[in-house]
Amino acid sequence: MALITSAQHMYRSKKCFDKVGVKYVPVAANFTSSSYRRYNWESFLIPHTSTFDSWNALIQEWIGIVAYKFTGKI
């Protein structure tokens, strides 16, 4: 069985499948990346606006993992 989901949600999805004992092949989709990369002091002090979107997605996934652990899904 193929487990197809967003790369962002793969960790949580794999944990759910592992808990119920389903054998699967993980297939990640919808990778996110940024072509905007500047490595200088200004970019470290003043982040690009897309950085906030990335943090928002990361925090939402962390909350999802914690919620799944509390509800016994993983």
C-alpha atoms as a PDB file:
ATOM      1  CA  MET A   1       0.000   0.000   0.000  1.00  0.00           C
ATOM      2  CA  ALA A   2       1.265   3.471  -0.831  1.00  0.00           C
ATOM      3  CA  LEU A   3       0.970   6.235   1.735  1.00  0.00           C
ATOM      4  CA  ILE A   4       0.721   9.375  -0.377  1.00  0.00           C
ATOM      5  CA  THR A   5       0.567  12.655   1.468  1.00  0.00           C
ATOM      6  CA  SER A   6       2.194  16.036   1.654  1.00  0.00           C
ATOM      7  CA  ALA A   7       5.848  15.904   2.666  1.00  0.00           C
ATOM      8  CA  GLN A   8       4.963  18.258   5.496  1.00  0.00           C
ATOM      9  CA  HIS A   9       2.516  15.737   7.025  1.00  0.00           C
ATOM     10  CA  MET A  10       4.505  12.575   6.347  1.00  0.00           C
ATOM     11  CA  TYR A  11       5.901  12.136   9.867  1.00  0.00           C
ATOM     12  CA  ARG A  12       2.460  12.218  11.472  1.00  0.00           C
ATOM     13  CA  SER A  13       0.907  10.030   8.775  1.00  0.00           C
ATOM     14  CA  LYS A  14       3.632   7.383   9.131  1.00  0.00           C
ATOM     15  CA  LYS A  15       3.092   7.293  12.893  1.00  0.00           C
ATOM     16  CA  CYS A  16      -0.656   6.716  12.387  1.00  0.00           C
ATOM     17  CA  PHE A  17      -0.058   3.864   9.946  1.00  0.00           C
ATOM     18  CA  ASP A  18       2.598   2.333  12.225  1.00  0.00           C
ATOM     19  CA  LYS A  19       0.221   2.391  15.186  1.00  0.00           C
ATOM     20  CA  VAL A  20      -2.457   0.363  13.392  1.00  0.00           C
ATOM     21  CA  GLY A  21       0.124  -1.981  11.872  1.00  0.00           C
ATOM     22  CA  VAL A  22      -0.465  -1.239   8.213  1.00  0.00           C
ATOM     23  CA  LYS A  23       2.468  -1.952   5.894  1.00  0.00           C
ATOM     24  CA  TYR A  24       3.076   0.910   3.500  1.00  0.00           C
ATOM     25  CA  VAL A  25       5.518   2.599   1.174  1.00  0.00           C
ATOM     26  CA  PRO A  26       5.768   6.331   1.931  1.00  0.00           C
ATOM     27  CA  VAL A  27       5.420   8.593  -1.098  1.00  0.00           C
ATOM     28  CA  ALA A  28       5.852  12.261  -0.252  1.00  0.00           C
ATOM     29  CA  ALA A  29       4.359  14.928  -2.470  1.00  0.00           C
ATOM     30  CA  ASN A  30       4.004  18.687  -2.464  1.00  0.00           C
ATOM     31  CA  PHE A  31       7.498  19.583  -1.312  1.00  0.00           C
ATOM     32  CA  THR A  32       7.935  23.219  -0.386  1.00  0.00           C
ATOM     33  CA  SER A  33      11.098  25.154  -0.987  1.00  0.00           C
ATOM     34  CA  SER A  34      12.160  28.684  -1.545  1.00  0.00           C
ATOM     35  CA  SER A  35      14.320  30.072  -4.289  1.00  0.00           C
ATOM     36  CA  TYR A  36      14.886  33.162  -2.150  1.00  0.00           C
ATOM     37  CA  ARG A  37      18.083  32.601  -0.190  1.00  0.00           C
ATOM     38  CA  ARG A  38      20.437  35.334   0.844  1.00  0.00           C
ATOM     39  CA  TYR A  39      23.179  34.646   3.310  1.00  0.00           C
ATOM     40  CA  ASN A  40      24.180  37.985   4.734  1.00  0.00           C
ATOM     41  CA  TRP A  41      23.715  39.834   8.015  1.00  0.00           C
ATOM     42  CA  GLU A  42      20.728  41.807   6.769  1.00  0.00           C
ATOM     43  CA  SER A  43      18.746  38.658   5.986  1.00  0.00           C
ATOM     44  CA  PHE A  44      19.525  37.266   9.444  1.00  0.00           C
ATOM     45  CA  LEU A  45      18.337  40.447  11.167  1.00  0.00           C
ATOM     46  CA  ILE A  46      15.349  41.175   8.924  1.00  0.00           C
ATOM     47  CA  PRO A  47      13.814  37.931   7.609  1.00  0.00           C
ATOM     48  CA  HIS A  48      11.962  37.673   4.327  1.00  0.00           C
ATOM     49  CA  THR A  49       8.161  37.661   4.642  1.00  0.00           C
ATOM     50  CA  SER A  50       7.918  34.084   3.337  1.00  0.00           C
ATOM     51  CA  THR A  51       9.790  32.976   6.458  1.00  0.00           C
ATOM     52  CA  PHE A  52       6.714  33.720   8.548  1.00  0.00           C
ATOM     53  CA  ASP A  53       4.586  31.457   6.353  1.00  0.00           C
ATOM     54  CA  SER A  54       7.106  28.658   6.830  1.00  0.00           C
ATOM     55  CA  TRP A  55       7.046  29.078  10.602  1.00  0.00           C
ATOM     56  CA  ASN A  56       3.239  29.116  10.572  1.00  0.00           C
ATOM     57  CA  ALA A  57       3.142  25.779   8.729  1.00  0.00           C
ATOM     58  CA  LEU A  58       5.763  24.280  11.060  1.00  0.00           C
ATOM     59  CA  ILE A  59       3.928  25.363  14.210  1.00  0.00           C
ATOM     60  CA  GLN A  60       0.638  23.986  12.860  1.00  0.00           C
ATOM     61  CA  GLU A  61       2.279  20.619  12.227  1.00  0.00           C
ATOM     62  CA  TRP A  62       3.787  20.575  15.734  1.00  0.00           C
ATOM     63  CA  ILE A  63       0.348  21.303  17.195  1.00  0.00           C
ATOM     64  CA  GLY A  64      -1.102  18.478  15.073  1.00  0.00           C
ATOM     65  CA  ILE A  65       1.531  16.036  16.359  1.00  0.00           C
ATOM     66  CA  VAL A  66       0.859  16.995  19.978  1.00  0.00           C
ATOM     67  CA  ALA A  67      -2.908  16.738  19.450  1.00  0.00           C
ATOM     68  CA  TYR A  68      -2.536  13.294  17.851  1.00  0.00           C
ATOM     69  CA  LYS A  69      -0.404  12.120  20.770  1.00  0.00           C
ATOM     70  CA  PHE A  70      -2.940  13.373  23.330  1.00  0.00           C
ATOM     71  CA  THR A  71      -5.845  11.735  21.521  1.00  0.00           C
ATOM     72  CA  GLY A  72      -3.971   8.435  21.138  1.00  0.00           C
ATOM     73  CA  LYS A  73      -3.802   8.454  17.342  1.00  0.00           C
ATOM     74  CA  ILE A  74      -0.026   8.082  17.354  1.00  0.00           C
END
